[in-house]
Amino acid sequence: MKVALGEIGLKKTWQTEFPKTTRCCNCGGNARIAFVAHEGMDNDDQPIIPRNTVQYVTDIHKNEGAGNFWPHDCIAVAVYFCRDCFEPVAMFNQA
């Protein structure tokens, strides 16, 4: 997994580009991008160990549906910090 700081990371996504800001789920304030952690996007992300081991977040748990959801593929996670209450806010998507 790699990390891209600030707005540089907004395009490190498997789907639509992450926004620069988002609504804080704690206080409703404005949360600004801090970093994006992403996996499996770059050539040098290729695993050097056998695929039957834990290499990606998807490998940690099985996705078994309602009550036991889990990502089914490589992910990208955007982390934001609220300007008002300083709580972290996160968004994620998957390949």
C-alpha atoms as a PDB file:
ATOM      1  CA  MET A   1       0.000   0.000   0.000  1.00  0.00           C
ATOM      2  CA  LYS A   2       1.225   3.463  -0.881  1.00  0.00           C
ATOM      3  CA  VAL A   3       0.270   6.893   0.455  1.00  0.00           C
ATOM      4  CA  ALA A   4      -0.141  10.133  -1.507  1.00  0.00           C
ATOM      5  CA  LEU A   5      -0.345  13.328   0.553  1.00  0.00           C
ATOM      6  CA  GLY A   6      -2.932  16.066   0.072  1.00  0.00           C
ATOM      7  CA  GLU A   7      -4.491  16.849  -3.291  1.00  0.00           C
ATOM      8  CA  ILE A   8      -1.876  14.754  -5.120  1.00  0.00           C
ATOM      9  CA  GLY A   9      -3.766  11.678  -3.936  1.00  0.00           C
ATOM     10  CA  LEU A  10      -7.211  12.695  -5.188  1.00  0.00           C
ATOM     11  CA  LYS A  11      -6.662  10.882  -8.498  1.00  0.00           C
ATOM     12  CA  LYS A  12      -5.285   7.743  -6.826  1.00  0.00           C
ATOM     13  CA  THR A  13      -8.686   6.095  -6.947  1.00  0.00           C
ATOM     14  CA  TRP A  14     -10.280   3.082  -8.565  1.00  0.00           C
ATOM     15  CA  GLN A  15     -13.429   5.026  -9.434  1.00  0.00           C
ATOM     16  CA  THR A  16     -14.405   8.718  -9.472  1.00  0.00           C
ATOM     17  CA  GLU A  17     -11.757  11.163  -8.249  1.00  0.00           C
ATOM     18  CA  PHE A  18     -11.981  11.876  -4.512  1.00  0.00           C
ATOM     19  CA  PRO A  19     -13.207  15.398  -3.571  1.00  0.00           C
ATOM     20  CA  LYS A  20     -10.892  17.978  -1.944  1.00  0.00           C
ATOM     21  CA  THR A  21     -13.321  18.358   0.957  1.00  0.00           C
ATOM     22  CA  THR A  22     -16.244  16.427   2.385  1.00  0.00           C
ATOM     23  CA  ARG A  23     -18.847  16.803   5.099  1.00  0.00           C
ATOM     24  CA  CYS A  24     -17.794  15.718   8.572  1.00  0.00           C
ATOM     25  CA  CYS A  25     -19.959  12.836   9.801  1.00  0.00           C
ATOM     26  CA  ASN A  26     -19.369  13.946  13.413  1.00  0.00           C
ATOM     27  CA  CYS A  27     -20.305  17.653  13.409  1.00  0.00           C
ATOM     28  CA  GLY A  28     -21.375  18.424   9.835  1.00  0.00           C
ATOM     29  CA  GLY A  29     -18.387  20.705   9.310  1.00  0.00           C
ATOM     30  CA  ASN A  30     -15.944  20.798   6.409  1.00  0.00           C
ATOM     31  CA  ALA A  31     -13.232  18.113   6.318  1.00  0.00           C
ATOM     32  CA  ARG A  32     -10.127  18.658   4.153  1.00  0.00           C
ATOM     33  CA  ILE A  33      -8.073  15.984   2.409  1.00  0.00           C
ATOM     34  CA  ALA A  34      -5.038  14.748   4.346  1.00  0.00           C
ATOM     35  CA  PHE A  35      -3.898  11.703   2.336  1.00  0.00           C
ATOM     36  CA  VAL A  36      -4.988   8.818   0.142  1.00  0.00           C
ATOM     37  CA  ALA A  37      -3.761   5.279   0.801  1.00  0.00           C
ATOM     38  CA  HIS A  38      -3.991   3.104  -2.288  1.00  0.00           C
ATOM     39  CA  GLU A  39      -3.043  -0.419  -3.251  1.00  0.00           C
ATOM     40  CA  GLY A  40      -2.467  -2.324  -6.456  1.00  0.00           C
ATOM     41  CA  MET A  41      -2.272   0.678  -8.824  1.00  0.00           C
ATOM     42  CA  ASP A  42       1.384   0.916  -9.715  1.00  0.00           C
ATOM     43  CA  ASN A  43       3.694  -1.629 -11.350  1.00  0.00           C
ATOM     44  CA  ASP A  44       5.875  -1.736  -8.270  1.00  0.00           C
ATOM     45  CA  ASP A  45       2.808  -2.675  -6.176  1.00  0.00           C
ATOM     46  CA  GLN A  46       3.024  -6.183  -7.593  1.00  0.00           C
ATOM     47  CA  PRO A  47       3.375  -8.736  -4.811  1.00  0.00           C
ATOM     48  CA  ILE A  48       6.681 -10.482  -4.348  1.00  0.00           C
ATOM     49  CA  ILE A  49       5.161 -13.199  -2.176  1.00  0.00           C
ATOM     50  CA  PRO A  50       2.678 -15.931  -3.195  1.00  0.00           C
ATOM     51  CA  ARG A  51      -0.942 -14.751  -3.589  1.00  0.00           C
ATOM     52  CA  ASN A  52      -2.176 -17.224  -0.965  1.00  0.00           C
ATOM     53  CA  THR A  53      -0.954 -14.881   1.803  1.00  0.00           C
ATOM     54  CA  VAL A  54      -2.364 -11.586   3.089  1.00  0.00           C
ATOM     55  CA  GLN A  55      -1.218  -8.893   0.648  1.00  0.00           C
ATOM     56  CA  TYR A  56      -4.218  -6.602   0.258  1.00  0.00           C
ATOM     57  CA  VAL A  57      -7.013  -5.450   2.557  1.00  0.00           C
ATOM     58  CA  THR A  58      -9.377  -7.783   0.687  1.00  0.00           C
ATOM     59  CA  ASP A  59      -7.290 -10.741   1.933  1.00  0.00           C
ATOM     60  CA  ILE A  60      -7.962 -10.031   5.617  1.00  0.00           C
ATOM     61  CA  HIS A  61     -11.629 -11.148   5.753  1.00  0.00           C
ATOM     62  CA  LYS A  62     -14.161 -12.772   3.431  1.00  0.00           C
ATOM     63  CA  ASN A  63     -16.959 -10.659   1.934  1.00  0.00           C
ATOM     64  CA  GLU A  64     -20.018 -12.629   2.956  1.00  0.00           C
ATOM     65  CA  GLY A  65     -22.736 -10.037   2.340  1.00  0.00           C
ATOM     66  CA  ALA A  66     -25.079  -8.217   4.697  1.00  0.00           C
ATOM     67  CA  GLY A  67     -23.771  -8.244   8.255  1.00  0.00           C
ATOM     68  CA  ASN A  68     -20.330  -9.268   7.044  1.00  0.00           C
ATOM     69  CA  PHE A  69     -19.418  -6.905   4.195  1.00  0.00           C
ATOM     70  CA  TRP A  70     -15.757  -6.505   3.228  1.00  0.00           C
ATOM     71  CA  PRO A  71     -13.952  -5.117   0.140  1.00  0.00           C
ATOM     72  CA  HIS A  72     -13.762  -7.619  -2.714  1.00  0.00           C
ATOM     73  CA  ASP A  73     -10.771  -6.068  -4.526  1.00  0.00           C
ATOM     74  CA  CYS A  74      -7.900  -3.580  -4.187  1.00  0.00           C
ATOM     75  CA  ILE A  75      -8.925  -0.373  -2.424  1.00  0.00           C
ATOM     76  CA  ALA A  76      -8.155   3.326  -2.221  1.00  0.00           C
ATOM     77  CA  VAL A  77      -8.974   5.217   0.996  1.00  0.00           C
ATOM     78  CA  ALA A  78      -9.126   9.009   1.282  1.00  0.00           C
ATOM     79  CA  VAL A  79      -8.665  10.372   4.807  1.00  0.00           C
ATOM     80  CA  TYR A  80      -9.837  13.867   5.730  1.00  0.00           C
ATOM     81  CA  PHE A  81      -9.664  15.950   8.937  1.00  0.00           C
ATOM     82  CA  CYS A  82     -12.518  18.230   9.989  1.00  0.00           C
ATOM     83  CA  ARG A  83     -11.645  21.913  10.281  1.00  0.00           C
ATOM     84  CA  ASP A  84     -14.083  22.351  13.179  1.00  0.00           C
ATOM     85  CA  CYS A  85     -13.890  19.279  15.424  1.00  0.00           C
ATOM     86  CA  PHE A  86     -10.675  17.694  14.011  1.00  0.00           C
ATOM     87  CA  GLU A  87     -12.315  14.268  13.672  1.00  0.00           C
ATOM     88  CA  PRO A  88     -11.088  12.039  10.843  1.00  0.00           C
ATOM     89  CA  VAL A  89     -13.456  11.275   7.958  1.00  0.00           C
ATOM     90  CA  ALA A  90     -12.802   8.556   5.405  1.00  0.00           C
ATOM     91  CA  MET A  91     -14.071   7.526   1.971  1.00  0.00           C
ATOM     92  CA  PHE A  92     -13.025   4.447   0.077  1.00  0.00           C
ATOM     93  CA  ASN A  93     -13.611   2.646  -3.186  1.00  0.00           C
ATOM     94  CA  GLN A  94     -12.399  -0.539  -4.802  1.00  0.00           C
ATOM     95  CA  ALA A  95     -11.284  -1.815  -8.158  1.00  0.00           C
END
